[in-house]
Amino acid sequence: LLLSASSAVHSSERLLQPIAPNSRQGLPGPAQRPL
């Protein structure tokens, strides 16, 4: 599995920074209903 994804794992980046509060696509909030 690691070899199959080798192109993705050599970056020195940290986890992606949070999306700005005015664009929360993909971050489920307490008011979100199941889709």
PDB file of all heavy atoms in Angstrom:
ATOM      1  N   LEU A   1       0.828  -1.204   0.000  1.00  0.00           N
ATOM      2  CA  LEU A   1       0.000   0.000   0.000  1.00  0.00           C
ATOM      3  C   LEU A   1       0.860   1.250   0.000  1.00  0.00           C
ATOM      4  O   LEU A   1       0.574   2.218  -0.679  1.00  0.00           O
ATOM      5  CB  LEU A   1      -0.931   0.000   1.209  1.00  0.00           C
ATOM      6  CG  LEU A   1      -1.931   1.168   1.312  1.00  0.00           C
ATOM      7  CD1 LEU A   1      -2.712   1.336   0.013  1.00  0.00           C
ATOM      8  CD2 LEU A   1      -2.872   0.962   2.469  1.00  0.00           C
ATOM      9  N   LEU A   2       1.965   1.224   0.744  1.00  0.00           N
ATOM     10  CA  LEU A   2       2.839   2.387   0.778  1.00  0.00           C
ATOM     11  C   LEU A   2       3.488   2.628  -0.573  1.00  0.00           C
ATOM     12  O   LEU A   2       3.594   3.764  -1.042  1.00  0.00           O
ATOM     13  CB  LEU A   2       3.919   2.194   1.845  1.00  0.00           C
ATOM     14  CG  LEU A   2       3.411   2.120   3.291  1.00  0.00           C
ATOM     15  CD1 LEU A   2       4.571   1.885   4.237  1.00  0.00           C
ATOM     16  CD2 LEU A   2       2.681   3.391   3.662  1.00  0.00           C
ATOM     17  N   LEU A   3       3.930   1.568  -1.239  1.00  0.00           N
ATOM     18  CA  LEU A   3       4.554   1.721  -2.541  1.00  0.00           C
ATOM     19  C   LEU A   3       3.571   2.258  -3.563  1.00  0.00           C
ATOM     20  O   LEU A   3       3.908   3.074  -4.426  1.00  0.00           O
ATOM     21  CB  LEU A   3       5.128   0.373  -3.011  1.00  0.00           C
ATOM     22  CG  LEU A   3       6.366  -0.114  -2.243  1.00  0.00           C
ATOM     23  CD1 LEU A   3       6.742  -1.505  -2.711  1.00  0.00           C
ATOM     24  CD2 LEU A   3       7.534   0.847  -2.433  1.00  0.00           C
ATOM     25  N   SER A   4       2.320   1.830  -3.460  1.00  0.00           N
ATOM     26  CA  SER A   4       1.322   2.269  -4.431  1.00  0.00           C
ATOM     27  C   SER A   4       1.011   3.743  -4.306  1.00  0.00           C
ATOM     28  O   SER A   4       0.487   4.351  -5.226  1.00  0.00           O
ATOM     29  CB  SER A   4       0.025   1.466  -4.255  1.00  0.00           C
ATOM     30  OG  SER A   4      -0.595   1.821  -3.032  1.00  0.00           O
ATOM     31  N   ALA A   5       1.334   4.320  -3.142  1.00  0.00           N
ATOM     32  CA  ALA A   5       1.039   5.740  -2.928  1.00  0.00           C
ATOM     33  C   ALA A   5       2.314   6.541  -2.725  1.00  0.00           C
ATOM     34  O   ALA A   5       2.292   7.595  -2.119  1.00  0.00           O
ATOM     35  CB  ALA A   5       0.129   5.903  -1.715  1.00  0.00           C
ATOM     36  N   SER A   6       3.439   6.070  -3.257  1.00  0.00           N
ATOM     37  CA  SER A   6       4.717   6.702  -2.978  1.00  0.00           C
ATOM     38  C   SER A   6       4.772   8.147  -3.422  1.00  0.00           C
ATOM     39  O   SER A   6       5.473   8.958  -2.853  1.00  0.00           O
ATOM     40  CB  SER A   6       5.852   5.916  -3.656  1.00  0.00           C
ATOM     41  OG  SER A   6       5.643   5.879  -5.066  1.00  0.00           O
ATOM     42  N   SER A   7       4.008   8.509  -4.445  1.00  0.00           N
ATOM     43  CA  SER A   7       4.047   9.885  -4.910  1.00  0.00           C
ATOM     44  C   SER A   7       3.425  10.844  -3.917  1.00  0.00           C
ATOM     45  O   SER A   7       3.671  12.034  -3.968  1.00  0.00           O
ATOM     46  CB  SER A   7       3.279   9.998  -6.242  1.00  0.00           C
ATOM     47  OG  SER A   7       1.927   9.655  -6.056  1.00  0.00           O
ATOM     48  N   ALA A   8       2.642  10.325  -2.972  1.00  0.00           N
ATOM     49  CA  ALA A   8       1.943  11.206  -2.037  1.00  0.00           C
ATOM     50  C   ALA A   8       2.635  11.334  -0.697  1.00  0.00           C
ATOM     51  O   ALA A   8       2.292  12.188   0.089  1.00  0.00           O
ATOM     52  CB  ALA A   8       0.512  10.699  -1.801  1.00  0.00           C
ATOM     53  N   VAL A   9       3.622  10.480  -0.404  1.00  0.00           N
ATOM     54  CA  VAL A   9       4.106  10.417   0.959  1.00  0.00           C
ATOM     55  C   VAL A   9       5.489  11.014   1.147  1.00  0.00           C
ATOM     56  O   VAL A   9       6.046  10.949   2.227  1.00  0.00           O
ATOM     57  CB  VAL A   9       4.126   8.953   1.464  1.00  0.00           C
ATOM     58  CG1 VAL A   9       2.733   8.394   1.441  1.00  0.00           C
ATOM     59  CG2 VAL A   9       5.062   8.108   0.620  1.00  0.00           C
ATOM     60  N   HIS A  10       6.084  11.615   0.124  1.00  0.00           N
ATOM     61  CA  HIS A  10       7.413  12.172   0.292  1.00  0.00           C
ATOM     62  C   HIS A  10       7.390  13.665   0.549  1.00  0.00           C
ATOM     63  O   HIS A  10       8.425  14.291   0.712  1.00  0.00           O
ATOM     64  CB  HIS A  10       8.266  11.874  -0.940  1.00  0.00           C
ATOM     65  CG  HIS A  10       8.551  10.404  -1.099  1.00  0.00           C
ATOM     66  ND1 HIS A  10       9.312   9.691  -0.199  1.00  0.00           N
ATOM     67  CD2 HIS A  10       8.140   9.507  -2.033  1.00  0.00           C
ATOM     68  CE1 HIS A  10       9.385   8.425  -0.578  1.00  0.00           C
ATOM     69  NE2 HIS A  10       8.677   8.292  -1.668  1.00  0.00           N
ATOM     70  N   SER A  11       6.204  14.272   0.588  1.00  0.00           N
ATOM     71  CA  SER A  11       6.104  15.693   0.857  1.00  0.00           C
ATOM     72  C   SER A  11       6.416  15.977   2.317  1.00  0.00           C
ATOM     73  O   SER A  11       6.154  15.168   3.193  1.00  0.00           O
ATOM     74  CB  SER A  11       4.676  16.181   0.551  1.00  0.00           C
ATOM     75  OG  SER A  11       4.479  17.460   1.064  1.00  0.00           O
ATOM     76  N   SER A  12       6.980  17.144   2.587  1.00  0.00           N
ATOM     77  CA  SER A  12       7.263  17.544   3.958  1.00  0.00           C
ATOM     78  C   SER A  12       6.136  18.383   4.550  1.00  0.00           C
ATOM     79  O   SER A  12       6.248  18.908   5.649  1.00  0.00           O
ATOM     80  CB  SER A  12       8.565  18.350   4.015  1.00  0.00           C
ATOM     81  OG  SER A  12       8.445  19.513   3.211  1.00  0.00           O
ATOM     82  N   GLU A  13       5.025  18.520   3.829  1.00  0.00           N
ATOM     83  CA  GLU A  13       3.912  19.337   4.307  1.00  0.00           C
ATOM     84  C   GLU A  13       3.279  18.735   5.554  1.00  0.00           C
ATOM     85  O   GLU A  13       3.278  17.540   5.747  1.00  0.00           O
ATOM     86  CB  GLU A  13       2.830  19.445   3.229  1.00  0.00           C
ATOM     87  CG  GLU A  13       3.275  20.138   1.957  1.00  0.00           C
ATOM     88  CD  GLU A  13       2.157  20.117   0.935  1.00  0.00           C
ATOM     89  OE1 GLU A  13       1.026  20.467   1.309  1.00  0.00           O
ATOM     90  OE2 GLU A  13       2.419  19.739  -0.207  1.00  0.00           O
ATOM     91  N   ARG A  14       2.721  19.616   6.382  1.00  0.00           N
ATOM     92  CA  ARG A  14       1.889  19.177   7.488  1.00  0.00           C
ATOM     93  C   ARG A  14       0.460  19.000   6.999  1.00  0.00           C
ATOM     94  O   ARG A  14       0.148  19.279   5.839  1.00  0.00           O
ATOM     95  CB  ARG A  14       1.942  20.216   8.617  1.00  0.00           C
ATOM     96  CG  ARG A  14       3.300  20.303   9.309  1.00  0.00           C
ATOM     97  CD  ARG A  14       3.460  19.206  10.342  1.00  0.00           C
ATOM     98  NE  ARG A  14       4.741  19.263  10.998  1.00  0.00           N
ATOM     99  CZ  ARG A  14       4.963  19.947  12.117  1.00  0.00           C
ATOM    100  NH1 ARG A  14       3.998  20.666  12.647  1.00  0.00           N
ATOM    101  NH2 ARG A  14       6.137  19.916  12.694  1.00  0.00           N
ATOM    102  N   LEU A  15      -0.400  18.570   7.885  1.00  0.00           N
ATOM    103  CA  LEU A  15      -1.804  18.382   7.521  1.00  0.00           C
ATOM    104  C   LEU A  15      -2.382  19.681   6.975  1.00  0.00           C
ATOM    105  O   LEU A  15      -2.049  20.766   7.425  1.00  0.00           O
ATOM    106  CB  LEU A  15      -2.592  17.949   8.760  1.00  0.00           C
ATOM    107  CG  LEU A  15      -4.013  17.481   8.558  1.00  0.00           C
ATOM    108  CD1 LEU A  15      -4.058  16.253   7.682  1.00  0.00           C
ATOM    109  CD2 LEU A  15      -4.639  17.157   9.909  1.00  0.00           C
ATOM    110  N   LEU A  16      -3.225  19.565   5.969  1.00  0.00           N
ATOM    111  CA  LEU A  16      -3.802  20.744   5.341  1.00  0.00           C
ATOM    112  C   LEU A  16      -4.432  21.669   6.370  1.00  0.00           C
ATOM    113  O   LEU A  16      -5.067  21.232   7.312  1.00  0.00           O
ATOM    114  CB  LEU A  16      -4.877  20.295   4.330  1.00  0.00           C
ATOM    115  CG  LEU A  16      -4.387  19.380   3.213  1.00  0.00           C
ATOM    116  CD1 LEU A  16      -5.578  18.950   2.373  1.00  0.00           C
ATOM    117  CD2 LEU A  16      -3.349  20.071   2.362  1.00  0.00           C
ATOM    118  N   GLN A  17      -4.243  22.964   6.185  1.00  0.00           N
ATOM    119  CA  GLN A  17      -4.807  23.934   7.105  1.00  0.00           C
ATOM    120  C   GLN A  17      -6.333  23.931   7.015  1.00  0.00           C
ATOM    121  O   GLN A  17      -6.902  23.610   5.973  1.00  0.00           O
ATOM    122  CB  GLN A  17      -4.276  25.334   6.786  1.00  0.00           C
ATOM    123  CG  GLN A  17      -2.801  25.503   7.139  1.00  0.00           C
ATOM    124  CD  GLN A  17      -2.555  25.283   8.626  1.00  0.00           C
ATOM    125  OE1 GLN A  17      -3.212  25.875   9.465  1.00  0.00           O
ATOM    126  NE2 GLN A  17      -1.613  24.408   8.935  1.00  0.00           N
ATOM    127  N   PRO A  18      -7.020  24.287   8.094  1.00  0.00           N
ATOM    128  CA  PRO A  18      -8.489  24.272   8.063  1.00  0.00           C
ATOM    129  C   PRO A  18      -9.052  25.197   6.989  1.00  0.00           C
ATOM    130  O   PRO A  18      -8.482  26.246   6.695  1.00  0.00           O
ATOM    131  CB  PRO A  18      -8.869  24.777   9.459  1.00  0.00           C
ATOM    132  CG  PRO A  18      -7.649  24.584  10.293  1.00  0.00           C
ATOM    133  CD  PRO A  18      -6.488  24.692   9.375  1.00  0.00           C
ATOM    134  N   ILE A  19     -10.148  24.778   6.404  1.00  0.00           N
ATOM    135  CA  ILE A  19     -10.834  25.635   5.445  1.00  0.00           C
ATOM    136  C   ILE A  19     -11.398  26.843   6.185  1.00  0.00           C
ATOM    137  O   ILE A  19     -11.835  26.747   7.325  1.00  0.00           O
ATOM    138  CB  ILE A  19     -11.966  24.842   4.767  1.00  0.00           C
ATOM    139  CG1 ILE A  19     -11.357  23.633   4.028  1.00  0.00           C
ATOM    140  CG2 ILE A  19     -12.744  25.706   3.796  1.00  0.00           C
ATOM    141  CD1 ILE A  19     -12.385  22.654   3.530  1.00  0.00           C
ATOM    142  N   ALA A  20     -11.353  28.009   5.558  1.00  0.00           N
ATOM    143  CA  ALA A  20     -11.831  29.237   6.191  1.00  0.00           C
ATOM    144  C   ALA A  20     -13.288  29.085   6.615  1.00  0.00           C
ATOM    145  O   ALA A  20     -14.068  28.381   5.961  1.00  0.00           O
ATOM    146  CB  ALA A  20     -11.680  30.406   5.222  1.00  0.00           C
ATOM    147  N   PRO A  21     -13.698  29.748   7.704  1.00  0.00           N
ATOM    148  CA  PRO A  21     -15.063  29.591   8.223  1.00  0.00           C
ATOM    149  C   PRO A  21     -16.165  29.881   7.211  1.00  0.00           C
ATOM    150  O   PRO A  21     -17.243  29.319   7.293  1.00  0.00           O
ATOM    151  CB  PRO A  21     -15.100  30.591   9.391  1.00  0.00           C
ATOM    152  CG  PRO A  21     -13.679  30.720   9.816  1.00  0.00           C
ATOM    153  CD  PRO A  21     -12.867  30.587   8.553  1.00  0.00           C
ATOM    154  N   ASN A  22     -15.907  30.762   6.227  1.00  0.00           N
ATOM    155  CA  ASN A  22     -16.964  31.082   5.267  1.00  0.00           C
ATOM    156  C   ASN A  22     -17.042  30.062   4.124  1.00  0.00           C
ATOM    157  O   ASN A  22     -17.795  30.221   3.193  1.00  0.00           O
ATOM    158  CB  ASN A  22     -16.764  32.490   4.694  1.00  0.00           C
ATOM    159  CG  ASN A  22     -15.448  32.622   3.938  1.00  0.00           C
ATOM    160  OD1 ASN A  22     -14.634  31.717   3.984  1.00  0.00           O
ATOM    161  ND2 ASN A  22     -15.270  33.744   3.259  1.00  0.00           N
ATOM    162  N   SER A  23     -16.242  29.024   4.186  1.00  0.00           N
ATOM    163  CA  SER A  23     -16.283  27.979   3.166  1.00  0.00           C
ATOM    164  C   SER A  23     -16.026  26.644   3.826  1.00  0.00           C
ATOM    165  O   SER A  23     -14.924  26.119   3.797  1.00  0.00           O
ATOM    166  CB  SER A  23     -15.218  28.244   2.087  1.00  0.00           C
ATOM    167  OG  SER A  23     -15.229  27.208   1.128  1.00  0.00           O
ATOM    168  N   ARG A  24     -17.067  26.072   4.419  1.00  0.00           N
ATOM    169  CA  ARG A  24     -16.902  24.896   5.267  1.00  0.00           C
ATOM    170  C   ARG A  24     -17.281  23.601   4.555  1.00  0.00           C
ATOM    171  O   ARG A  24     -17.623  22.614   5.187  1.00  0.00           O
ATOM    172  CB  ARG A  24     -17.732  25.045   6.535  1.00  0.00           C
ATOM    173  CG  ARG A  24     -17.178  26.058   7.510  1.00  0.00           C
ATOM    174  CD  ARG A  24     -18.132  26.252   8.677  1.00  0.00           C
ATOM    175  NE  ARG A  24     -18.553  24.979   9.265  1.00  0.00           N
ATOM    176  CZ  ARG A  24     -17.880  24.317  10.186  1.00  0.00           C
ATOM    177  NH1 ARG A  24     -16.738  24.796  10.633  1.00  0.00           N
ATOM    178  NH2 ARG A  24     -18.336  23.182  10.673  1.00  0.00           N
ATOM    179  N   GLN A  25     -17.193  23.568   3.255  1.00  0.00           N
ATOM    180  CA  GLN A  25     -17.577  22.349   2.529  1.00  0.00           C
ATOM    181  C   GLN A  25     -16.811  21.149   3.067  1.00  0.00           C
ATOM    182  O   GLN A  25     -15.595  21.174   3.171  1.00  0.00           O
ATOM    183  CB  GLN A  25     -17.291  22.507   1.040  1.00  0.00           C
ATOM    184  CG  GLN A  25     -17.649  21.253   0.246  1.00  0.00           C
ATOM    185  CD  GLN A  25     -17.479  21.474  -1.241  1.00  0.00           C
ATOM    186  OE1 GLN A  25     -17.293  22.577  -1.681  1.00  0.00           O
ATOM    187  NE2 GLN A  25     -17.550  20.392  -1.996  1.00  0.00           N
ATOM    188  N   GLY A  26     -17.556  20.099   3.407  1.00  0.00           N
ATOM    189  CA  GLY A  26     -16.924  18.872   3.843  1.00  0.00           C
ATOM    190  C   GLY A  26     -16.671  18.778   5.331  1.00  0.00           C
ATOM    191  O   GLY A  26     -16.283  17.731   5.798  1.00  0.00           O
ATOM    192  N   LEU A  27     -16.894  19.846   6.093  1.00  0.00           N
ATOM    193  CA  LEU A  27     -16.721  19.765   7.536  1.00  0.00           C
ATOM    194  C   LEU A  27     -18.095  19.747   8.190  1.00  0.00           C
ATOM    195  O   LEU A  27     -18.773  20.767   8.253  1.00  0.00           O
ATOM    196  CB  LEU A  27     -15.899  20.951   8.059  1.00  0.00           C
ATOM    197  CG  LEU A  27     -14.424  20.936   7.667  1.00  0.00           C
ATOM    198  CD1 LEU A  27     -13.737  22.199   8.175  1.00  0.00           C
ATOM    199  CD2 LEU A  27     -13.734  19.715   8.234  1.00  0.00           C
ATOM    200  N   PRO A  28     -18.559  18.597   8.656  1.00  0.00           N
ATOM    201  CA  PRO A  28     -19.917  18.501   9.198  1.00  0.00           C
ATOM    202  C   PRO A  28     -20.083  19.303  10.473  1.00  0.00           C
ATOM    203  O   PRO A  28     -19.288  19.197  11.393  1.00  0.00           O
ATOM    204  CB  PRO A  28     -20.088  16.996   9.470  1.00  0.00           C
ATOM    205  CG  PRO A  28     -18.698  16.482   9.616  1.00  0.00           C
ATOM    206  CD  PRO A  28     -17.839  17.322   8.728  1.00  0.00           C
ATOM    207  N   GLY A  29     -21.087  20.134  10.505  1.00  0.00           N
ATOM    208  CA  GLY A  29     -21.376  20.937  11.688  1.00  0.00           C
ATOM    209  C   GLY A  29     -22.519  20.329  12.470  1.00  0.00           C
ATOM    210  O   GLY A  29     -23.197  19.409  12.013  1.00  0.00           O
ATOM    211  N   PRO A  30     -22.783  20.836  13.693  1.00  0.00           N
ATOM    212  CA  PRO A  30     -23.816  20.234  14.544  1.00  0.00           C
ATOM    213  C   PRO A  30     -25.212  20.317  13.950  1.00  0.00           C
ATOM    214  O   PRO A  30     -26.073  19.522  14.288  1.00  0.00           O
ATOM    215  CB  PRO A  30     -23.703  21.051  15.843  1.00  0.00           C
ATOM    216  CG  PRO A  30     -22.978  22.310  15.469  1.00  0.00           C
ATOM    217  CD  PRO A  30     -22.087  21.957  14.325  1.00  0.00           C
ATOM    218  N   ALA A  31     -25.434  21.290  13.047  1.00  0.00           N
ATOM    219  CA  ALA A  31     -26.786  21.438  12.487  1.00  0.00           C
ATOM    220  C   ALA A  31     -26.991  20.623  11.211  1.00  0.00           C
ATOM    221  O   ALA A  31     -28.101  20.537  10.709  1.00  0.00           O
ATOM    222  CB  ALA A  31     -27.056  22.918  12.196  1.00  0.00           C
ATOM    223  N   GLN A  32     -25.921  20.038  10.696  1.00  0.00           N
ATOM    224  CA  GLN A  32     -26.059  19.321   9.428  1.00  0.00           C
ATOM    225  C   GLN A  32     -26.862  18.039   9.609  1.00  0.00           C
ATOM    226  O   GLN A  32     -26.624  17.271  10.530  1.00  0.00           O
ATOM    227  CB  GLN A  32     -24.685  18.968   8.850  1.00  0.00           C
ATOM    228  CG  GLN A  32     -24.775  18.251   7.500  1.00  0.00           C
ATOM    229  CD  GLN A  32     -23.409  17.908   6.941  1.00  0.00           C
ATOM    230  OE1 GLN A  32     -22.415  18.459   7.378  1.00  0.00           O
ATOM    231  NE2 GLN A  32     -23.391  17.016   5.971  1.00  0.00           N
ATOM    232  N   ARG A  33     -27.808  17.820   8.710  1.00  0.00           N
ATOM    233  CA  ARG A  33     -28.594  16.597   8.729  1.00  0.00           C
ATOM    234  C   ARG A  33     -27.968  15.588   7.773  1.00  0.00           C
ATOM    235  O   ARG A  33     -27.372  15.970   6.764  1.00  0.00           O
ATOM    236  CB  ARG A  33     -30.044  16.882   8.302  1.00  0.00           C
ATOM    237  CG  ARG A  33     -30.816  17.740   9.296  1.00  0.00           C
ATOM    238  CD  ARG A  33     -32.307  17.735   8.957  1.00  0.00           C
ATOM    239  NE  ARG A  33     -32.545  18.217   7.605  1.00  0.00           N
ATOM    240  CZ  ARG A  33     -32.715  19.490   7.296  1.00  0.00           C
ATOM    241  NH1 ARG A  33     -32.640  20.426   8.246  1.00  0.00           N
ATOM    242  NH2 ARG A  33     -32.950  19.873   6.055  1.00  0.00           N
ATOM    243  N   PRO A  34     -28.119  14.291   8.069  1.00  0.00           N
ATOM    244  CA  PRO A  34     -27.618  13.269   7.147  1.00  0.00           C
ATOM    245  C   PRO A  34     -28.218  13.438   5.760  1.00  0.00           C
ATOM    246  O   PRO A  34     -29.396  13.763   5.608  1.00  0.00           O
ATOM    247  CB  PRO A  34     -28.065  11.962   7.796  1.00  0.00           C
ATOM    248  CG  PRO A  34     -28.210  12.295   9.248  1.00  0.00           C
ATOM    249  CD  PRO A  34     -28.706  13.702   9.279  1.00  0.00           C
ATOM    250  N   LEU A  35     -27.396  13.198   4.738  1.00  0.00           N
ATOM    251  CA  LEU A  35     -27.808  13.452   3.361  1.00  0.00           C
ATOM    252  C   LEU A  35     -28.415  12.239   2.660  1.00  0.00           C
ATOM    253  O   LEU A  35     -28.913  12.368   1.554  1.00  0.00           O
ATOM    254  CB  LEU A  35     -26.599  13.933   2.552  1.00  0.00           C
ATOM    255  CG  LEU A  35     -25.957  15.242   3.011  1.00  0.00           C
ATOM    256  CD1 LEU A  35     -24.796  15.601   2.099  1.00  0.00           C
ATOM    257  CD2 LEU A  35     -26.994  16.356   3.029  1.00  0.00           C
TER     258      LEU A  35
END
